């Protein structure tokens, strides 16, 4: 992921257009506030607990390298993710969209994810 991405909050219109792209399939805007949505959310469903853990492990290393970490929760074969950026007062930025795309790619690489 390029580090030249902006950490400025994106407008609701820009985010709505972005999540309609195939690369962001399944992501939803959450917490629409006057200044724009406060997060991107998605729940990944895997076949097994082990696949869910493998997904989290594969993404965790990349998040650490980027210093951009998700709010996420695992329950058995499900991983629920919420993305926002501290630097933009918990609004959604280009960094969040890029991480959402990376997560979709990681999930697709594991069989049984949807």
N, C-alpha and C. Protein backbone atom coordinates (compact mmCIF):
# COMPACT_ATOMS: atom_id res chain seq x y z
N UNK A 1 0.85 -1.17 0.00
CA UNK A 1 0.00 0.00 0.00
C UNK A 1 0.90 1.23 0.00
N UNK A 2 0.67 2.16 -0.91
CA UNK A 2 1.50 3.36 -0.94
C UNK A 2 1.34 4.17 0.33
N UNK A 3 2.43 4.73 0.83
CA UNK A 3 2.35 5.55 2.03
C UNK A 3 2.02 7.00 1.70
N UNK A 4 1.78 7.30 0.42
CA UNK A 4 1.43 8.66 0.02
C UNK A 4 -0.08 8.89 0.08
N UNK A 5 -0.82 7.92 0.60
CA UNK A 5 -2.25 8.08 0.71
C UNK A 5 -2.57 9.16 1.74
N UNK A 6 -3.70 9.82 1.52
CA UNK A 6 -4.10 10.89 2.42
C UNK A 6 -4.77 10.34 3.68
N UNK A 7 -4.50 10.98 4.78
CA UNK A 7 -5.17 10.66 6.04
C UNK A 7 -6.21 11.71 6.38
N UNK A 8 -6.64 12.45 5.37
CA UNK A 8 -7.73 13.41 5.53
C UNK A 8 -9.05 12.70 5.33
N UNK A 9 -10.06 13.07 6.11
CA UNK A 9 -11.37 12.45 6.00
C UNK A 9 -11.94 12.66 4.60
N UNK A 10 -12.55 11.61 4.06
CA UNK A 10 -13.19 11.68 2.74
C UNK A 10 -14.66 12.06 2.90
N UNK A 11 -15.21 12.66 1.88
CA UNK A 11 -16.61 13.06 1.91
C UNK A 11 -17.52 11.83 1.81
N UNK A 12 -18.75 11.98 2.23
CA UNK A 12 -19.72 10.89 2.13
C UNK A 12 -19.91 10.47 0.68
N UNK A 13 -19.93 11.44 -0.24
CA UNK A 13 -20.10 11.11 -1.66
C UNK A 13 -18.92 10.30 -2.19
N UNK A 14 -17.71 10.70 -1.82
CA UNK A 14 -16.52 9.97 -2.27
C UNK A 14 -16.51 8.55 -1.71
N UNK A 15 -16.91 8.41 -0.46
CA UNK A 15 -16.94 7.08 0.16
C UNK A 15 -18.02 6.19 -0.44
N UNK A 16 -19.17 6.77 -0.71
CA UNK A 16 -20.26 6.01 -1.31
C UNK A 16 -19.83 5.47 -2.67
N UNK A 17 -19.17 6.31 -3.46
CA UNK A 17 -18.68 5.88 -4.77
C UNK A 17 -17.61 4.80 -4.62
N UNK A 18 -16.72 4.95 -3.66
CA UNK A 18 -15.62 4.01 -3.48
C UNK A 18 -16.11 2.62 -3.09
N UNK A 19 -17.08 2.54 -2.17
CA UNK A 19 -17.50 1.21 -1.72
C UNK A 19 -18.38 0.50 -2.74
N UNK A 20 -18.76 1.20 -3.79
CA UNK A 20 -19.50 0.55 -4.88
C UNK A 20 -18.56 -0.16 -5.85
N UNK A 21 -17.26 0.09 -5.73
CA UNK A 21 -16.28 -0.57 -6.59
C UNK A 21 -16.08 -2.02 -6.12
N UNK A 22 -15.80 -2.90 -7.04
CA UNK A 22 -15.61 -4.33 -6.74
C UNK A 22 -14.52 -4.55 -5.68
N UNK A 23 -13.47 -3.74 -5.71
CA UNK A 23 -12.37 -3.90 -4.76
C UNK A 23 -12.82 -3.71 -3.31
N UNK A 24 -13.93 -3.03 -3.12
CA UNK A 24 -14.46 -2.77 -1.77
C UNK A 24 -15.77 -3.51 -1.53
N UNK A 25 -15.99 -4.60 -2.23
CA UNK A 25 -17.23 -5.36 -2.13
C UNK A 25 -17.51 -5.75 -0.68
N UNK A 26 -18.75 -5.54 -0.25
CA UNK A 26 -19.18 -5.95 1.07
C UNK A 26 -18.97 -4.95 2.18
N UNK A 27 -18.22 -3.90 1.92
CA UNK A 27 -17.98 -2.88 2.95
C UNK A 27 -19.17 -1.93 3.03
N UNK A 28 -19.47 -1.50 4.25
CA UNK A 28 -20.58 -0.59 4.50
C UNK A 28 -20.08 0.64 5.25
N UNK A 29 -20.74 1.77 5.01
CA UNK A 29 -20.45 2.98 5.77
C UNK A 29 -21.26 2.93 7.05
N UNK A 30 -20.67 3.36 8.13
CA UNK A 30 -21.33 3.33 9.42
C UNK A 30 -21.19 4.68 10.12
N UNK A 31 -22.19 4.99 10.93
CA UNK A 31 -22.10 6.16 11.80
C UNK A 31 -22.07 7.48 11.07
N UNK A 32 -22.89 7.66 10.04
CA UNK A 32 -22.90 8.92 9.30
C UNK A 32 -23.13 10.08 10.27
N UNK A 33 -22.17 10.95 10.34
CA UNK A 33 -22.26 12.15 11.16
C UNK A 33 -22.32 13.35 10.23
N UNK A 34 -22.54 14.50 10.77
CA UNK A 34 -22.62 15.71 9.95
C UNK A 34 -21.38 15.91 9.10
N UNK A 35 -20.24 15.47 9.60
CA UNK A 35 -19.00 15.67 8.87
C UNK A 35 -18.61 14.47 8.02
N UNK A 36 -19.45 13.45 7.97
CA UNK A 36 -19.18 12.28 7.14
C UNK A 36 -19.20 11.00 7.95
N UNK A 37 -19.24 9.86 7.26
CA UNK A 37 -19.26 8.57 7.94
C UNK A 37 -18.05 8.39 8.85
N UNK A 38 -18.26 7.70 9.96
CA UNK A 38 -17.20 7.53 10.94
C UNK A 38 -16.41 6.24 10.79
N UNK A 39 -16.92 5.29 9.99
CA UNK A 39 -16.14 4.06 9.79
C UNK A 39 -16.66 3.26 8.60
N UNK A 40 -15.79 2.35 8.16
CA UNK A 40 -16.14 1.31 7.19
C UNK A 40 -16.26 0.03 7.99
N UNK A 41 -17.26 -0.79 7.71
CA UNK A 41 -17.41 -2.06 8.42
C UNK A 41 -17.68 -3.20 7.44
N UNK A 42 -17.23 -4.38 7.86
CA UNK A 42 -17.50 -5.58 7.08
C UNK A 42 -17.33 -6.79 7.99
N UNK A 43 -18.17 -7.81 7.79
CA UNK A 43 -18.00 -9.08 8.47
C UNK A 43 -17.63 -10.13 7.43
N UNK A 44 -16.47 -10.74 7.64
CA UNK A 44 -16.03 -11.84 6.79
C UNK A 44 -16.48 -13.14 7.44
N UNK A 45 -16.97 -14.06 6.63
CA UNK A 45 -17.38 -15.37 7.12
C UNK A 45 -16.53 -16.43 6.42
N UNK A 46 -15.82 -17.20 7.22
CA UNK A 46 -14.94 -18.24 6.71
C UNK A 46 -15.56 -19.61 7.02
N UNK A 47 -15.01 -20.64 6.43
CA UNK A 47 -15.52 -21.99 6.66
C UNK A 47 -15.17 -22.49 8.05
N UNK A 48 -13.97 -22.14 8.51
CA UNK A 48 -13.50 -22.64 9.80
C UNK A 48 -12.89 -21.52 10.64
N UNK A 49 -12.75 -21.81 11.92
CA UNK A 49 -12.06 -20.91 12.84
C UNK A 49 -10.62 -20.70 12.39
N UNK A 50 -9.97 -21.78 11.94
CA UNK A 50 -8.58 -21.69 11.51
C UNK A 50 -8.41 -20.74 10.33
N UNK A 51 -9.36 -20.73 9.40
CA UNK A 51 -9.29 -19.79 8.28
C UNK A 51 -9.46 -18.35 8.76
N UNK A 52 -10.36 -18.15 9.70
CA UNK A 52 -10.55 -16.80 10.25
C UNK A 52 -9.25 -16.31 10.90
N UNK A 53 -8.60 -17.19 11.66
CA UNK A 53 -7.33 -16.83 12.31
C UNK A 53 -6.23 -16.59 11.28
N UNK A 54 -6.19 -17.40 10.24
CA UNK A 54 -5.18 -17.23 9.19
C UNK A 54 -5.37 -15.88 8.51
N UNK A 55 -6.62 -15.50 8.28
CA UNK A 55 -6.91 -14.19 7.69
C UNK A 55 -6.38 -13.07 8.60
N UNK A 56 -6.69 -13.15 9.88
CA UNK A 56 -6.25 -12.10 10.80
C UNK A 56 -4.72 -12.03 10.88
N UNK A 57 -4.07 -13.20 10.90
CA UNK A 57 -2.61 -13.22 10.94
C UNK A 57 -2.00 -12.61 9.68
N UNK A 58 -2.56 -12.94 8.53
CA UNK A 58 -1.99 -12.42 7.27
C UNK A 58 -2.16 -10.91 7.18
N UNK A 59 -3.25 -10.40 7.67
CA UNK A 59 -3.50 -8.96 7.62
C UNK A 59 -2.74 -8.22 8.72
N UNK A 60 -2.58 -8.86 9.88
CA UNK A 60 -1.93 -8.20 11.02
C UNK A 60 -0.52 -7.73 10.71
N UNK A 61 0.24 -8.55 10.03
CA UNK A 61 1.62 -8.17 9.70
C UNK A 61 1.65 -6.93 8.81
N UNK A 62 0.75 -6.87 7.85
CA UNK A 62 0.70 -5.71 6.96
C UNK A 62 0.23 -4.47 7.71
N UNK A 63 -0.71 -4.63 8.61
CA UNK A 63 -1.20 -3.49 9.41
C UNK A 63 -0.07 -2.91 10.27
N UNK A 64 0.70 -3.79 10.88
CA UNK A 64 1.82 -3.35 11.71
C UNK A 64 2.85 -2.60 10.87
N UNK A 65 3.16 -3.12 9.71
CA UNK A 65 4.13 -2.46 8.83
C UNK A 65 3.65 -1.07 8.42
N UNK A 66 2.34 -0.92 8.25
CA UNK A 66 1.77 0.36 7.83
C UNK A 66 1.44 1.28 9.01
N UNK A 67 1.51 0.75 10.23
CA UNK A 67 1.08 1.48 11.42
C UNK A 67 -0.37 1.97 11.25
N UNK A 68 -1.20 1.08 10.76
CA UNK A 68 -2.63 1.38 10.57
C UNK A 68 -3.40 0.12 10.95
N UNK A 69 -4.05 0.16 12.11
CA UNK A 69 -4.62 -1.05 12.70
C UNK A 69 -6.14 -1.00 12.75
N UNK A 70 -6.78 -2.14 12.44
CA UNK A 70 -8.24 -2.18 12.46
C UNK A 70 -8.78 -2.41 13.87
N UNK A 71 -10.03 -2.08 14.03
CA UNK A 71 -10.81 -2.51 15.20
C UNK A 71 -11.52 -3.77 14.70
N UNK A 72 -11.17 -4.92 15.24
CA UNK A 72 -11.76 -6.14 14.73
C UNK A 72 -12.05 -7.13 15.85
N UNK A 73 -12.96 -8.04 15.54
CA UNK A 73 -13.42 -9.03 16.51
C UNK A 73 -13.62 -10.36 15.79
N UNK A 74 -13.18 -11.42 16.43
CA UNK A 74 -13.35 -12.77 15.88
C UNK A 74 -14.27 -13.58 16.78
N UNK A 75 -15.28 -14.19 16.20
CA UNK A 75 -16.13 -15.16 16.87
C UNK A 75 -16.23 -16.37 15.93
N UNK A 76 -15.61 -17.46 16.34
CA UNK A 76 -15.51 -18.69 15.58
C UNK A 76 -15.04 -18.42 14.14
N UNK A 77 -15.94 -18.53 13.15
CA UNK A 77 -15.51 -18.39 11.75
C UNK A 77 -15.79 -17.00 11.18
N UNK A 78 -16.14 -16.06 12.04
CA UNK A 78 -16.46 -14.70 11.59
C UNK A 78 -15.43 -13.70 12.10
N UNK A 79 -15.09 -12.76 11.23
CA UNK A 79 -14.22 -11.65 11.63
C UNK A 79 -14.94 -10.37 11.21
N UNK A 80 -15.30 -9.57 12.20
CA UNK A 80 -15.95 -8.29 11.95
C UNK A 80 -14.90 -7.20 12.07
N UNK A 81 -14.84 -6.33 11.06
CA UNK A 81 -13.80 -5.30 10.98
C UNK A 81 -14.45 -3.93 10.92
N UNK A 82 -13.86 -2.98 11.64
CA UNK A 82 -14.27 -1.58 11.56
C UNK A 82 -13.00 -0.76 11.31
N UNK A 83 -13.03 0.06 10.26
CA UNK A 83 -11.87 0.87 9.90
C UNK A 83 -12.19 2.36 10.01
N UNK A 84 -11.29 3.09 10.62
CA UNK A 84 -11.32 4.55 10.63
C UNK A 84 -9.91 5.02 10.98
N UNK A 85 -9.66 6.30 10.84
CA UNK A 85 -8.31 6.82 11.07
C UNK A 85 -8.30 7.81 12.23
N UNK A 86 -7.39 7.58 13.17
CA UNK A 86 -7.24 8.47 14.32
C UNK A 86 -6.90 9.88 13.86
N UNK A 87 -6.05 9.98 12.85
CA UNK A 87 -5.56 11.29 12.40
C UNK A 87 -6.66 12.17 11.84
N UNK A 88 -7.77 11.58 11.45
CA UNK A 88 -8.88 12.36 10.89
C UNK A 88 -10.06 12.38 11.86
N UNK A 89 -9.74 12.26 13.14
CA UNK A 89 -10.76 12.26 14.20
C UNK A 89 -11.79 11.15 13.98
N UNK A 90 -11.27 9.96 13.71
CA UNK A 90 -12.09 8.74 13.53
C UNK A 90 -13.05 8.85 12.35
N UNK A 91 -12.56 9.38 11.27
CA UNK A 91 -13.31 9.41 10.02
C UNK A 91 -12.60 8.47 9.04
N UNK A 92 -13.21 8.25 7.89
CA UNK A 92 -12.67 7.32 6.89
C UNK A 92 -11.78 8.09 5.91
N UNK A 93 -10.61 7.51 5.65
CA UNK A 93 -9.61 8.13 4.78
C UNK A 93 -9.22 7.18 3.65
N UNK A 94 -8.34 7.66 2.77
CA UNK A 94 -7.81 6.80 1.71
C UNK A 94 -7.08 5.60 2.30
N UNK A 95 -6.43 5.77 3.45
CA UNK A 95 -5.74 4.67 4.11
C UNK A 95 -6.73 3.55 4.45
N UNK A 96 -7.90 3.92 4.94
CA UNK A 96 -8.91 2.92 5.30
C UNK A 96 -9.42 2.19 4.06
N UNK A 97 -9.64 2.92 2.99
CA UNK A 97 -10.09 2.27 1.75
C UNK A 97 -9.03 1.31 1.22
N UNK A 98 -7.78 1.71 1.30
CA UNK A 98 -6.69 0.84 0.84
C UNK A 98 -6.60 -0.42 1.71
N UNK A 99 -6.77 -0.26 3.03
CA UNK A 99 -6.72 -1.41 3.91
C UNK A 99 -7.93 -2.32 3.69
N UNK A 100 -9.08 -1.75 3.40
CA UNK A 100 -10.28 -2.54 3.09
C UNK A 100 -10.03 -3.39 1.84
N UNK A 101 -9.42 -2.80 0.83
CA UNK A 101 -9.10 -3.52 -0.40
C UNK A 101 -8.11 -4.65 -0.12
N UNK A 102 -7.09 -4.36 0.67
CA UNK A 102 -6.09 -5.36 1.04
C UNK A 102 -6.75 -6.51 1.79
N UNK A 103 -7.67 -6.20 2.69
CA UNK A 103 -8.36 -7.25 3.45
C UNK A 103 -9.23 -8.11 2.54
N UNK A 104 -9.91 -7.49 1.59
CA UNK A 104 -10.71 -8.27 0.64
C UNK A 104 -9.82 -9.23 -0.16
N UNK A 105 -8.65 -8.76 -0.56
CA UNK A 105 -7.72 -9.60 -1.30
C UNK A 105 -7.23 -10.76 -0.44
N UNK A 106 -6.93 -10.48 0.83
CA UNK A 106 -6.46 -11.52 1.74
C UNK A 106 -7.55 -12.57 1.97
N UNK A 107 -8.78 -12.11 2.14
CA UNK A 107 -9.90 -13.04 2.35
C UNK A 107 -10.14 -13.89 1.12
N UNK A 108 -10.04 -13.30 -0.05
CA UNK A 108 -10.26 -14.04 -1.29
C UNK A 108 -9.20 -15.12 -1.49
N UNK A 109 -8.01 -14.89 -0.95
CA UNK A 109 -6.93 -15.85 -1.09
C UNK A 109 -7.18 -17.11 -0.25
N UNK A 110 -8.09 -17.01 0.72
CA UNK A 110 -8.44 -18.16 1.55
C UNK A 110 -9.73 -18.78 1.00
N UNK A 111 -9.75 -20.06 0.83
CA UNK A 111 -10.97 -20.70 0.32
C UNK A 111 -12.06 -20.64 1.39
N UNK A 112 -13.28 -20.51 0.96
CA UNK A 112 -14.40 -20.54 1.88
C UNK A 112 -14.77 -19.21 2.49
N UNK A 113 -14.17 -18.11 2.04
CA UNK A 113 -14.54 -16.80 2.59
C UNK A 113 -15.61 -16.17 1.75
N UNK A 114 -16.44 -15.34 2.39
CA UNK A 114 -17.45 -14.60 1.64
C UNK A 114 -17.69 -13.26 2.29
